[in-house]
PDB file of all heavy atoms in Angstrom:
ATOM      1  N   PHE A   1     -20.440 -12.915 -10.113  1.00  0.00           N
ATOM      2  CA  PHE A   1     -19.847 -13.879  -9.179  1.00  0.00           C
ATOM      3  C   PHE A   1     -20.626 -13.880  -7.867  1.00  0.00           C
ATOM      4  O   PHE A   1     -21.036 -14.940  -7.366  1.00  0.00           O
ATOM      5  CB  PHE A   1     -18.380 -13.510  -8.936  1.00  0.00           C
ATOM      6  CG  PHE A   1     -17.648 -14.458  -8.013  1.00  0.00           C
ATOM      7  CD1 PHE A   1     -16.881 -15.486  -8.533  1.00  0.00           C
ATOM      8  CD2 PHE A   1     -17.706 -14.313  -6.631  1.00  0.00           C
ATOM      9  CE1 PHE A   1     -16.197 -16.368  -7.690  1.00  0.00           C
ATOM     10  CE2 PHE A   1     -17.044 -15.180  -5.777  1.00  0.00           C
ATOM     11  CZ  PHE A   1     -16.280 -16.208  -6.310  1.00  0.00           C
ATOM     12  N   PHE A   2     -20.851 -12.715  -7.294  1.00  0.00           N
ATOM     13  CA  PHE A   2     -21.596 -12.608  -6.041  1.00  0.00           C
ATOM     14  C   PHE A   2     -23.019 -13.150  -6.202  1.00  0.00           C
ATOM     15  O   PHE A   2     -23.514 -13.886  -5.339  1.00  0.00           O
ATOM     16  CB  PHE A   2     -21.634 -11.148  -5.588  1.00  0.00           C
ATOM     17  CG  PHE A   2     -22.417 -10.925  -4.325  1.00  0.00           C
ATOM     18  CD1 PHE A   2     -21.850 -11.161  -3.086  1.00  0.00           C
ATOM     19  CD2 PHE A   2     -23.730 -10.477  -4.372  1.00  0.00           C
ATOM     20  CE1 PHE A   2     -22.569 -10.970  -1.908  1.00  0.00           C
ATOM     21  CE2 PHE A   2     -24.465 -10.274  -3.210  1.00  0.00           C
ATOM     22  CZ  PHE A   2     -23.877 -10.526  -1.973  1.00  0.00           C
ATOM     23  N   GLN A   3     -23.672 -12.806  -7.290  1.00  0.00           N
ATOM     24  CA  GLN A   3     -25.034 -13.263  -7.507  1.00  0.00           C
ATOM     25  C   GLN A   3     -25.112 -14.785  -7.623  1.00  0.00           C
ATOM     26  O   GLN A   3     -26.095 -15.400  -7.201  1.00  0.00           O
ATOM     27  CB  GLN A   3     -25.612 -12.603  -8.760  1.00  0.00           C
ATOM     28  CG  GLN A   3     -25.910 -11.130  -8.606  1.00  0.00           C
ATOM     29  CD  GLN A   3     -26.970 -10.863  -7.547  1.00  0.00           C
ATOM     30  OE1 GLN A   3     -27.974 -11.563  -7.470  1.00  0.00           O
ATOM     31  NE2 GLN A   3     -26.737  -9.849  -6.722  1.00  0.00           N
ATOM     32  N   SER A   4     -24.078 -15.406  -8.165  1.00  0.00           N
ATOM     33  CA  SER A   4     -24.081 -16.859  -8.330  1.00  0.00           C
ATOM     34  C   SER A   4     -24.134 -17.593  -7.001  1.00  0.00           C
ATOM     35  O   SER A   4     -24.670 -18.704  -6.915  1.00  0.00           O
ATOM     36  CB  SER A   4     -22.826 -17.299  -9.095  1.00  0.00           C
ATOM     37  OG  SER A   4     -22.811 -16.764 -10.396  1.00  0.00           O
ATOM     38  N   PHE A   5     -23.579 -16.989  -5.956  1.00  0.00           N
ATOM     39  CA  PHE A   5     -23.481 -17.643  -4.654  1.00  0.00           C
ATOM     40  C   PHE A   5     -24.496 -17.146  -3.629  1.00  0.00           C
ATOM     41  O   PHE A   5     -24.607 -17.736  -2.551  1.00  0.00           O
ATOM     42  CB  PHE A   5     -22.087 -17.421  -4.061  1.00  0.00           C
ATOM     43  CG  PHE A   5     -20.975 -18.147  -4.763  1.00  0.00           C
ATOM     44  CD1 PHE A   5     -20.192 -17.505  -5.702  1.00  0.00           C
ATOM     45  CD2 PHE A   5     -20.700 -19.472  -4.472  1.00  0.00           C
ATOM     46  CE1 PHE A   5     -19.153 -18.164  -6.344  1.00  0.00           C
ATOM     47  CE2 PHE A   5     -19.670 -20.145  -5.103  1.00  0.00           C
ATOM     48  CZ  PHE A   5     -18.888 -19.491  -6.051  1.00  0.00           C
ATOM     49  N   ASN A   6     -25.217 -16.071  -3.911  1.00  0.00           N
ATOM     50  CA  ASN A   6     -25.920 -15.396  -2.824  1.00  0.00           C
ATOM     51  C   ASN A   6     -27.390 -15.093  -3.074  1.00  0.00           C
ATOM     52  O   ASN A   6     -27.977 -14.268  -2.354  1.00  0.00           O
ATOM     53  CB  ASN A   6     -25.174 -14.105  -2.468  1.00  0.00           C
ATOM     54  CG  ASN A   6     -23.828 -14.399  -1.829  1.00  0.00           C
ATOM     55  OD1 ASN A   6     -23.757 -14.829  -0.687  1.00  0.00           O
ATOM     56  ND2 ASN A   6     -22.765 -14.187  -2.592  1.00  0.00           N
ATOM     57  N   ARG A   7     -28.013 -15.751  -4.044  1.00  0.00           N
ATOM     58  CA  ARG A   7     -29.443 -15.529  -4.230  1.00  0.00           C
ATOM     59  C   ARG A   7     -30.204 -16.039  -3.001  1.00  0.00           C
ATOM     60  O   ARG A   7     -29.722 -16.909  -2.265  1.00  0.00           O
ATOM     61  CB  ARG A   7     -29.935 -16.204  -5.511  1.00  0.00           C
ATOM     62  CG  ARG A   7     -29.862 -17.706  -5.488  1.00  0.00           C
ATOM     63  CD  ARG A   7     -30.495 -18.348  -6.726  1.00  0.00           C
ATOM     64  NE  ARG A   7     -30.261 -19.785  -6.709  1.00  0.00           N
ATOM     65  CZ  ARG A   7     -29.241 -20.390  -7.307  1.00  0.00           C
ATOM     66  NH1 ARG A   7     -28.366 -19.682  -8.004  1.00  0.00           N
ATOM     67  NH2 ARG A   7     -29.088 -21.701  -7.224  1.00  0.00           N
ATOM     68  N   ASN A   8     -31.367 -15.482  -2.810  1.00  0.00           N
ATOM     69  CA  ASN A   8     -32.275 -15.903  -1.733  1.00  0.00           C
ATOM     70  C   ASN A   8     -31.714 -15.657  -0.327  1.00  0.00           C
ATOM     71  O   ASN A   8     -32.153 -16.283   0.645  1.00  0.00           O
ATOM     72  CB  ASN A   8     -32.658 -17.389  -1.880  1.00  0.00           C
ATOM     73  CG  ASN A   8     -33.375 -17.659  -3.184  1.00  0.00           C
ATOM     74  OD1 ASN A   8     -34.205 -16.870  -3.621  1.00  0.00           O
ATOM     75  ND2 ASN A   8     -33.049 -18.770  -3.824  1.00  0.00           N
ATOM     76  N   LYS A   9     -30.742 -14.763  -0.203  1.00  0.00           N
ATOM     77  CA  LYS A   9     -30.172 -14.425   1.098  1.00  0.00           C
ATOM     78  C   LYS A   9     -30.495 -12.977   1.453  1.00  0.00           C
ATOM     79  O   LYS A   9     -30.916 -12.186   0.607  1.00  0.00           O
ATOM     80  CB  LYS A   9     -28.653 -14.631   1.104  1.00  0.00           C
ATOM     81  CG  LYS A   9     -28.208 -16.057   0.800  1.00  0.00           C
ATOM     82  CD  LYS A   9     -26.692 -16.187   0.811  1.00  0.00           C
ATOM     83  CE  LYS A   9     -26.234 -17.575   0.400  1.00  0.00           C
ATOM     84  NZ  LYS A   9     -24.757 -17.701   0.397  1.00  0.00           N
ATOM     85  N   LEU A  10     -30.285 -12.626   2.708  1.00  0.00           N
ATOM     86  CA  LEU A  10     -30.447 -11.263   3.209  1.00  0.00           C
ATOM     87  C   LEU A  10     -29.087 -10.737   3.644  1.00  0.00           C
ATOM     88  O   LEU A  10     -28.156 -11.521   3.878  1.00  0.00           O
ATOM     89  CB  LEU A  10     -31.421 -11.242   4.391  1.00  0.00           C
ATOM     90  CG  LEU A  10     -32.803 -11.862   4.158  1.00  0.00           C
ATOM     91  CD1 LEU A  10     -33.583 -11.929   5.471  1.00  0.00           C
ATOM     92  CD2 LEU A  10     -33.579 -11.076   3.119  1.00  0.00           C
ATOM     93  N   SER A  11     -28.962  -9.412   3.768  1.00  0.00           N
ATOM     94  CA  SER A  11     -27.700  -8.820   4.204  1.00  0.00           C
ATOM     95  C   SER A  11     -27.932  -7.831   5.340  1.00  0.00           C
ATOM     96  O   SER A  11     -28.781  -6.945   5.240  1.00  0.00           O
ATOM     97  CB  SER A  11     -26.999  -8.108   3.047  1.00  0.00           C
ATOM     98  OG  SER A  11     -25.849  -7.405   3.505  1.00  0.00           O
ATOM     99  N   VAL A  12     -27.155  -8.004   6.399  1.00  0.00           N
ATOM    100  CA  VAL A  12     -27.136  -7.057   7.515  1.00  0.00           C
ATOM    101  C   VAL A  12     -25.736  -6.468   7.611  1.00  0.00           C
ATOM    102  O   VAL A  12     -24.754  -7.216   7.694  1.00  0.00           O
ATOM    103  CB  VAL A  12     -27.507  -7.754   8.847  1.00  0.00           C
ATOM    104  CG1 VAL A  12     -27.184  -6.860  10.042  1.00  0.00           C
ATOM    105  CG2 VAL A  12     -28.978  -8.126   8.846  1.00  0.00           C
ATOM    106  N   GLY A  13     -25.653  -5.152   7.566  1.00  0.00           N
ATOM    107  CA  GLY A  13     -24.367  -4.483   7.734  1.00  0.00           C
ATOM    108  C   GLY A  13     -24.076  -4.322   9.214  1.00  0.00           C
ATOM    109  O   GLY A  13     -24.834  -3.664   9.938  1.00  0.00           O
ATOM    110  N   LEU A  14     -22.966  -4.919   9.683  1.00  0.00           N
ATOM    111  CA  LEU A  14     -22.688  -4.923  11.119  1.00  0.00           C
ATOM    112  C   LEU A  14     -21.187  -5.001  11.351  1.00  0.00           C
ATOM    113  O   LEU A  14     -20.490  -5.837  10.760  1.00  0.00           O
ATOM    114  CB  LEU A  14     -23.378  -6.128  11.764  1.00  0.00           C
ATOM    115  CG  LEU A  14     -23.635  -6.106  13.266  1.00  0.00           C
ATOM    116  CD1 LEU A  14     -24.512  -4.914  13.649  1.00  0.00           C
ATOM    117  CD2 LEU A  14     -24.313  -7.405  13.687  1.00  0.00           C
ATOM    118  N   ASP A  15     -20.688  -4.140  12.234  1.00  0.00           N
ATOM    119  CA  ASP A  15     -19.274  -4.137  12.591  1.00  0.00           C
ATOM    120  C   ASP A  15     -19.113  -4.875  13.920  1.00  0.00           C
ATOM    121  O   ASP A  15     -19.394  -4.337  14.986  1.00  0.00           O
ATOM    122  CB  ASP A  15     -18.773  -2.694  12.716  1.00  0.00           C
ATOM    123  CG  ASP A  15     -17.292  -2.615  13.055  1.00  0.00           C
ATOM    124  OD1 ASP A  15     -16.655  -3.683  13.190  1.00  0.00           O
ATOM    125  OD2 ASP A  15     -16.778  -1.492  13.192  1.00  0.00           O
ATOM    126  N   LEU A  16     -18.640  -6.114  13.858  1.00  0.00           N
ATOM    127  CA  LEU A  16     -18.519  -6.926  15.064  1.00  0.00           C
ATOM    128  C   LEU A  16     -17.362  -6.495  15.952  1.00  0.00           C
ATOM    129  O   LEU A  16     -17.261  -6.947  17.105  1.00  0.00           O
ATOM    130  CB  LEU A  16     -18.350  -8.405  14.697  1.00  0.00           C
ATOM    131  CG  LEU A  16     -19.517  -9.083  13.980  1.00  0.00           C
ATOM    132  CD1 LEU A  16     -19.263 -10.572  13.857  1.00  0.00           C
ATOM    133  CD2 LEU A  16     -20.823  -8.849  14.708  1.00  0.00           C
ATOM    134  N   SER A  17     -16.494  -5.639  15.430  1.00  0.00           N
ATOM    135  CA  SER A  17     -15.369  -5.187  16.252  1.00  0.00           C
ATOM    136  C   SER A  17     -15.775  -4.101  17.242  1.00  0.00           C
ATOM    137  O   SER A  17     -15.026  -3.792  18.180  1.00  0.00           O
ATOM    138  CB  SER A  17     -14.234  -4.675  15.362  1.00  0.00           C
ATOM    139  OG  SER A  17     -14.611  -3.476  14.685  1.00  0.00           O
ATOM    140  N   SER A  18     -16.952  -3.515  17.066  1.00  0.00           N
ATOM    141  CA  SER A  18     -17.432  -2.495  17.995  1.00  0.00           C
ATOM    142  C   SER A  18     -18.320  -3.147  19.051  1.00  0.00           C
ATOM    143  O   SER A  18     -18.990  -4.148  18.781  1.00  0.00           O
ATOM    144  CB  SER A  18     -18.223  -1.413  17.256  1.00  0.00           C
ATOM    145  OG  SER A  18     -19.507  -1.881  16.887  1.00  0.00           O
ATOM    146  N   SER A  19     -18.327  -2.596  20.243  1.00  0.00           N
ATOM    147  CA  SER A  19     -19.138  -3.167  21.321  1.00  0.00           C
ATOM    148  C   SER A  19     -20.617  -3.084  20.987  1.00  0.00           C
ATOM    149  O   SER A  19     -21.392  -4.006  21.287  1.00  0.00           O
ATOM    150  CB  SER A  19     -18.848  -2.448  22.638  1.00  0.00           C
ATOM    151  OG  SER A  19     -19.106  -1.053  22.530  1.00  0.00           O
ATOM    152  N   ALA A  20     -21.019  -2.004  20.333  1.00  0.00           N
ATOM    153  CA  ALA A  20     -22.421  -1.860  19.948  1.00  0.00           C
ATOM    154  C   ALA A  20     -22.794  -2.898  18.893  1.00  0.00           C
ATOM    155  O   ALA A  20     -23.874  -3.496  18.927  1.00  0.00           O
ATOM    156  CB  ALA A  20     -22.687  -0.447  19.422  1.00  0.00           C
ATOM    157  N   GLY A  21     -21.885  -3.120  17.933  1.00  0.00           N
ATOM    158  CA  GLY A  21     -22.129  -4.131  16.911  1.00  0.00           C
ATOM    159  C   GLY A  21     -22.194  -5.522  17.490  1.00  0.00           C
ATOM    160  O   GLY A  21     -23.026  -6.346  17.084  1.00  0.00           O
ATOM    161  N   ARG A  22     -21.330  -5.800  18.467  1.00  0.00           N
ATOM    162  CA  ARG A  22     -21.345  -7.099  19.120  1.00  0.00           C
ATOM    163  C   ARG A  22     -22.664  -7.333  19.852  1.00  0.00           C
ATOM    164  O   ARG A  22     -23.239  -8.427  19.808  1.00  0.00           O
ATOM    165  CB  ARG A  22     -20.189  -7.195  20.116  1.00  0.00           C
ATOM    166  CG  ARG A  22     -20.155  -8.490  20.934  1.00  0.00           C
ATOM    167  CD  ARG A  22     -19.779  -9.676  20.065  1.00  0.00           C
ATOM    168  NE  ARG A  22     -19.871 -10.942  20.799  1.00  0.00           N
ATOM    169  CZ  ARG A  22     -19.383 -12.096  20.340  1.00  0.00           C
ATOM    170  NH1 ARG A  22     -18.777 -12.127  19.173  1.00  0.00           N
ATOM    171  NH2 ARG A  22     -19.506 -13.198  21.044  1.00  0.00           N
ATOM    172  N   ALA A  23     -23.164  -6.285  20.499  1.00  0.00           N
ATOM    173  CA  ALA A  23     -24.421  -6.407  21.229  1.00  0.00           C
ATOM    174  C   ALA A  23     -25.569  -6.728  20.286  1.00  0.00           C
ATOM    175  O   ALA A  23     -26.426  -7.583  20.589  1.00  0.00           O
ATOM    176  CB  ALA A  23     -24.700  -5.121  21.999  1.00  0.00           C
ATOM    177  N   VAL A  24     -25.598  -6.069  19.134  1.00  0.00           N
ATOM    178  CA  VAL A  24     -26.643  -6.349  18.145  1.00  0.00           C
ATOM    179  C   VAL A  24     -26.506  -7.774  17.631  1.00  0.00           C
ATOM    180  O   VAL A  24     -27.502  -8.511  17.495  1.00  0.00           O
ATOM    181  CB  VAL A  24     -26.567  -5.345  16.983  1.00  0.00           C
ATOM    182  CG1 VAL A  24     -27.527  -5.750  15.864  1.00  0.00           C
ATOM    183  CG2 VAL A  24     -26.898  -3.932  17.469  1.00  0.00           C
ATOM    184  N   PHE A  25     -25.281  -8.180  17.367  1.00  0.00           N
ATOM    185  CA  PHE A  25     -25.035  -9.532  16.879  1.00  0.00           C
ATOM    186  C   PHE A  25     -25.560 -10.568  17.870  1.00  0.00           C
ATOM    187  O   PHE A  25     -26.233 -11.535  17.480  1.00  0.00           O
ATOM    188  CB  PHE A  25     -23.536  -9.733  16.649  1.00  0.00           C
ATOM    189  CG  PHE A  25     -23.144 -11.137  16.274  1.00  0.00           C
ATOM    190  CD1 PHE A  25     -23.514 -11.685  15.056  1.00  0.00           C
ATOM    191  CD2 PHE A  25     -22.400 -11.929  17.150  1.00  0.00           C
ATOM    192  CE1 PHE A  25     -23.153 -12.981  14.708  1.00  0.00           C
ATOM    193  CE2 PHE A  25     -22.040 -13.214  16.816  1.00  0.00           C
ATOM    194  CZ  PHE A  25     -22.416 -13.748  15.593  1.00  0.00           C
ATOM    195  N   GLU A  26     -25.298 -10.387  19.152  1.00  0.00           N
ATOM    196  CA  GLU A  26     -25.766 -11.348  20.148  1.00  0.00           C
ATOM    197  C   GLU A  26     -27.284 -11.352  20.262  1.00  0.00           C
ATOM    198  O   GLU A  26     -27.888 -12.404  20.527  1.00  0.00           O
ATOM    199  CB  GLU A  26     -25.107 -11.061  21.503  1.00  0.00           C
ATOM    200  CG  GLU A  26     -23.605 -11.363  21.482  1.00  0.00           C
ATOM    201  CD  GLU A  26     -22.974 -11.315  22.856  1.00  0.00           C
ATOM    202  OE1 GLU A  26     -23.689 -11.041  23.844  1.00  0.00           O
ATOM    203  OE2 GLU A  26     -21.752 -11.562  22.945  1.00  0.00           O
ATOM    204  N   ASP A  27     -27.912 -10.211  20.028  1.00  0.00           N
ATOM    205  CA  ASP A  27     -29.376 -10.191  20.006  1.00  0.00           C
ATOM    206  C   ASP A  27     -29.914 -11.031  18.848  1.00  0.00           C
ATOM    207  O   ASP A  27     -30.969 -11.677  18.966  1.00  0.00           O
ATOM    208  CB  ASP A  27     -29.887  -8.750  19.883  1.00  0.00           C
ATOM    209  CG  ASP A  27     -29.756  -7.971  21.190  1.00  0.00           C
ATOM    210  OD1 ASP A  27     -29.599  -8.603  22.249  1.00  0.00           O
ATOM    211  OD2 ASP A  27     -29.804  -6.724  21.137  1.00  0.00           O
ATOM    212  N   LEU A  28     -29.200 -11.029  17.726  1.00  0.00           N
ATOM    213  CA  LEU A  28     -29.595 -11.868  16.590  1.00  0.00           C
ATOM    214  C   LEU A  28     -29.323 -13.342  16.886  1.00  0.00           C
ATOM    215  O   LEU A  28     -30.150 -14.217  16.576  1.00  0.00           O
ATOM    216  CB  LEU A  28     -28.843 -11.441  15.329  1.00  0.00           C
ATOM    217  CG  LEU A  28     -29.125 -10.024  14.807  1.00  0.00           C
ATOM    218  CD1 LEU A  28     -28.219  -9.698  13.623  1.00  0.00           C
ATOM    219  CD2 LEU A  28     -30.583  -9.860  14.412  1.00  0.00           C
ATOM    220  N   VAL A  29     -28.175 -13.630  17.494  1.00  0.00           N
ATOM    221  CA  VAL A  29     -27.823 -15.010  17.845  1.00  0.00           C
ATOM    222  C   VAL A  29     -28.881 -15.623  18.755  1.00  0.00           C
ATOM    223  O   VAL A  29     -29.227 -16.803  18.628  1.00  0.00           O
ATOM    224  CB  VAL A  29     -26.435 -15.061  18.528  1.00  0.00           C
ATOM    225  CG1 VAL A  29     -26.163 -16.455  19.116  1.00  0.00           C
ATOM    226  CG2 VAL A  29     -25.339 -14.680  17.536  1.00  0.00           C
ATOM    227  N   ALA A  30     -29.421 -14.832  19.642  1.00  0.00           N
ATOM    228  CA  ALA A  30     -30.411 -15.333  20.593  1.00  0.00           C
ATOM    229  C   ALA A  30     -31.642 -15.899  19.909  1.00  0.00           C
ATOM    230  O   ALA A  30     -32.354 -16.736  20.479  1.00  0.00           O
ATOM    231  CB  ALA A  30     -30.814 -14.213  21.554  1.00  0.00           C
ATOM    232  N   HIS A  31     -31.895 -15.467  18.667  1.00  0.00           N
ATOM    233  CA  HIS A  31     -33.096 -15.910  17.951  1.00  0.00           C
ATOM    234  C   HIS A  31     -32.768 -16.738  16.701  1.00  0.00           C
ATOM    235  O   HIS A  31     -33.651 -17.036  15.905  1.00  0.00           O
ATOM    236  CB  HIS A  31     -33.933 -14.694  17.548  1.00  0.00           C
ATOM    237  CG  HIS A  31     -34.431 -13.899  18.712  1.00  0.00           C
ATOM    238  ND1 HIS A  31     -33.693 -12.898  19.306  1.00  0.00           N
ATOM    239  CD2 HIS A  31     -35.589 -13.982  19.419  1.00  0.00           C
ATOM    240  CE1 HIS A  31     -34.380 -12.378  20.309  1.00  0.00           C
ATOM    241  NE2 HIS A  31     -35.541 -13.016  20.402  1.00  0.00           N
ATOM    242  N   ALA A  32     -31.508 -17.099  16.518  1.00  0.00           N
ATOM    243  CA  ALA A  32     -31.077 -17.843  15.335  1.00  0.00           C
ATOM    244  C   ALA A  32     -30.842 -19.304  15.675  1.00  0.00           C
ATOM    245  O   ALA A  32     -30.817 -19.708  16.844  1.00  0.00           O
ATOM    246  CB  ALA A  32     -29.805 -17.219  14.766  1.00  0.00           C
ATOM    247  N   ASP A  33     -30.674 -20.108  14.646  1.00  0.00           N
ATOM    248  CA  ASP A  33     -30.330 -21.518  14.816  1.00  0.00           C
ATOM    249  C   ASP A  33     -28.850 -21.781  14.594  1.00  0.00           C
ATOM    250  O   ASP A  33     -28.286 -22.712  15.182  1.00  0.00           O
ATOM    251  CB  ASP A  33     -31.134 -22.373  13.822  1.00  0.00           C
ATOM    252  CG  ASP A  33     -32.625 -22.275  14.044  1.00  0.00           C
ATOM    253  OD1 ASP A  33     -33.098 -22.812  15.053  1.00  0.00           O
ATOM    254  OD2 ASP A  33     -33.298 -21.648  13.209  1.00  0.00           O
ATOM    255  N   VAL A  34     -28.232 -20.983  13.720  1.00  0.00           N
ATOM    256  CA  VAL A  34     -26.873 -21.285  13.277  1.00  0.00           C
ATOM    257  C   VAL A  34     -26.056 -20.000  13.147  1.00  0.00           C
ATOM    258  O   VAL A  34     -26.561 -18.984  12.656  1.00  0.00           O
ATOM    259  CB  VAL A  34     -26.883 -21.996  11.896  1.00  0.00           C
ATOM    260  CG1 VAL A  34     -25.466 -22.322  11.431  1.00  0.00           C
ATOM    261  CG2 VAL A  34     -27.745 -23.252  11.935  1.00  0.00           C
ATOM    262  N   VAL A  35     -24.806 -20.061  13.582  1.00  0.00           N
ATOM    263  CA  VAL A  35     -23.799 -19.070  13.206  1.00  0.00           C
ATOM    264  C   VAL A  35     -22.805 -19.796  12.312  1.00  0.00           C
ATOM    265  O   VAL A  35     -22.156 -20.756  12.739  1.00  0.00           O
ATOM    266  CB  VAL A  35     -23.088 -18.467  14.431  1.00  0.00           C
ATOM    267  CG1 VAL A  35     -21.917 -17.599  13.998  1.00  0.00           C
ATOM    268  CG2 VAL A  35     -24.067 -17.649  15.263  1.00  0.00           C
ATOM    269  N   TYR A  36     -22.716 -19.344  11.080  1.00  0.00           N
ATOM    270  CA  TYR A  36     -21.995 -20.068  10.018  1.00  0.00           C
ATOM    271  C   TYR A  36     -20.897 -19.155   9.484  1.00  0.00           C
ATOM    272  O   TYR A  36     -21.156 -17.995   9.155  1.00  0.00           O
ATOM    273  CB  TYR A  36     -23.009 -20.413   8.932  1.00  0.00           C
ATOM    274  CG  TYR A  36     -22.492 -21.040   7.662  1.00  0.00           C
ATOM    275  CD1 TYR A  36     -22.429 -22.427   7.529  1.00  0.00           C
ATOM    276  CD2 TYR A  36     -22.123 -20.260   6.568  1.00  0.00           C
ATOM    277  CE1 TYR A  36     -22.015 -23.012   6.336  1.00  0.00           C
ATOM    278  CE2 TYR A  36     -21.706 -20.839   5.385  1.00  0.00           C
ATOM    279  CZ  TYR A  36     -21.651 -22.208   5.271  1.00  0.00           C
ATOM    280  OH  TYR A  36     -21.239 -22.788   4.105  1.00  0.00           O
ATOM    281  N   SER A  37     -19.671 -19.661   9.409  1.00  0.00           N
ATOM    282  CA  SER A  37     -18.582 -18.808   8.935  1.00  0.00           C
ATOM    283  C   SER A  37     -17.611 -19.577   8.061  1.00  0.00           C
ATOM    284  O   SER A  37     -17.470 -20.794   8.194  1.00  0.00           O
ATOM    285  CB  SER A  37     -17.825 -18.203  10.127  1.00  0.00           C
ATOM    286  OG  SER A  37     -17.148 -19.217  10.863  1.00  0.00           O
ATOM    287  N   ASN A  38     -16.963 -18.876   7.152  1.00  0.00           N
ATOM    288  CA  ASN A  38     -15.804 -19.451   6.468  1.00  0.00           C
ATOM    289  C   ASN A  38     -14.653 -18.453   6.566  1.00  0.00           C
ATOM    290  O   ASN A  38     -14.412 -17.633   5.698  1.00  0.00           O
ATOM    291  CB  ASN A  38     -16.109 -19.856   5.017  1.00  0.00           C
ATOM    292  CG  ASN A  38     -16.329 -18.694   4.075  1.00  0.00           C
ATOM    293  OD1 ASN A  38     -17.188 -17.851   4.314  1.00  0.00           O
ATOM    294  ND2 ASN A  38     -15.555 -18.648   2.990  1.00  0.00           N
ATOM    295  N   LEU A  39     -13.991 -18.546   7.686  1.00  0.00           N
ATOM    296  CA  LEU A  39     -12.877 -17.680   8.027  1.00  0.00           C
ATOM    297  C   LEU A  39     -11.667 -18.551   8.362  1.00  0.00           C
ATOM    298  O   LEU A  39     -11.798 -19.763   8.528  1.00  0.00           O
ATOM    299  CB  LEU A  39     -13.246 -16.796   9.223  1.00  0.00           C
ATOM    300  CG  LEU A  39     -14.545 -15.980   9.061  1.00  0.00           C
ATOM    301  CD1 LEU A  39     -14.997 -15.415  10.401  1.00  0.00           C
ATOM    302  CD2 LEU A  39     -14.342 -14.861   8.042  1.00  0.00           C
ATOM    303  N   ARG A  40     -10.493 -17.942   8.465  1.00  0.00           N
ATOM    304  CA  ARG A  40      -9.305 -18.697   8.846  1.00  0.00           C
ATOM    305  C   ARG A  40      -9.560 -19.421  10.177  1.00  0.00           C
ATOM    306  O   ARG A  40     -10.303 -18.945  11.027  1.00  0.00           O
ATOM    307  CB  ARG A  40      -8.129 -17.736   8.972  1.00  0.00           C
ATOM    308  CG  ARG A  40      -6.760 -18.352   8.724  1.00  0.00           C
ATOM    309  CD  ARG A  40      -5.695 -17.279   8.766  1.00  0.00           C
ATOM    310  NE  ARG A  40      -5.726 -16.588  10.056  1.00  0.00           N
ATOM    311  CZ  ARG A  40      -5.622 -15.279  10.213  1.00  0.00           C
ATOM    312  NH1 ARG A  40      -5.493 -14.487   9.153  1.00  0.00           N
ATOM    313  NH2 ARG A  40      -5.647 -14.737  11.414  1.00  0.00           N
TER     314      ARG A  40
END
């Protein structure tokens, strides 16, 4: 199931609830084009 939806992608393990994780996330956002989510 996972393979059907996720080929050709990369994975970064990151805890956005931690301040350190948030800081890393924003460093990635600074160099990205899109933040894409499917959440409530």
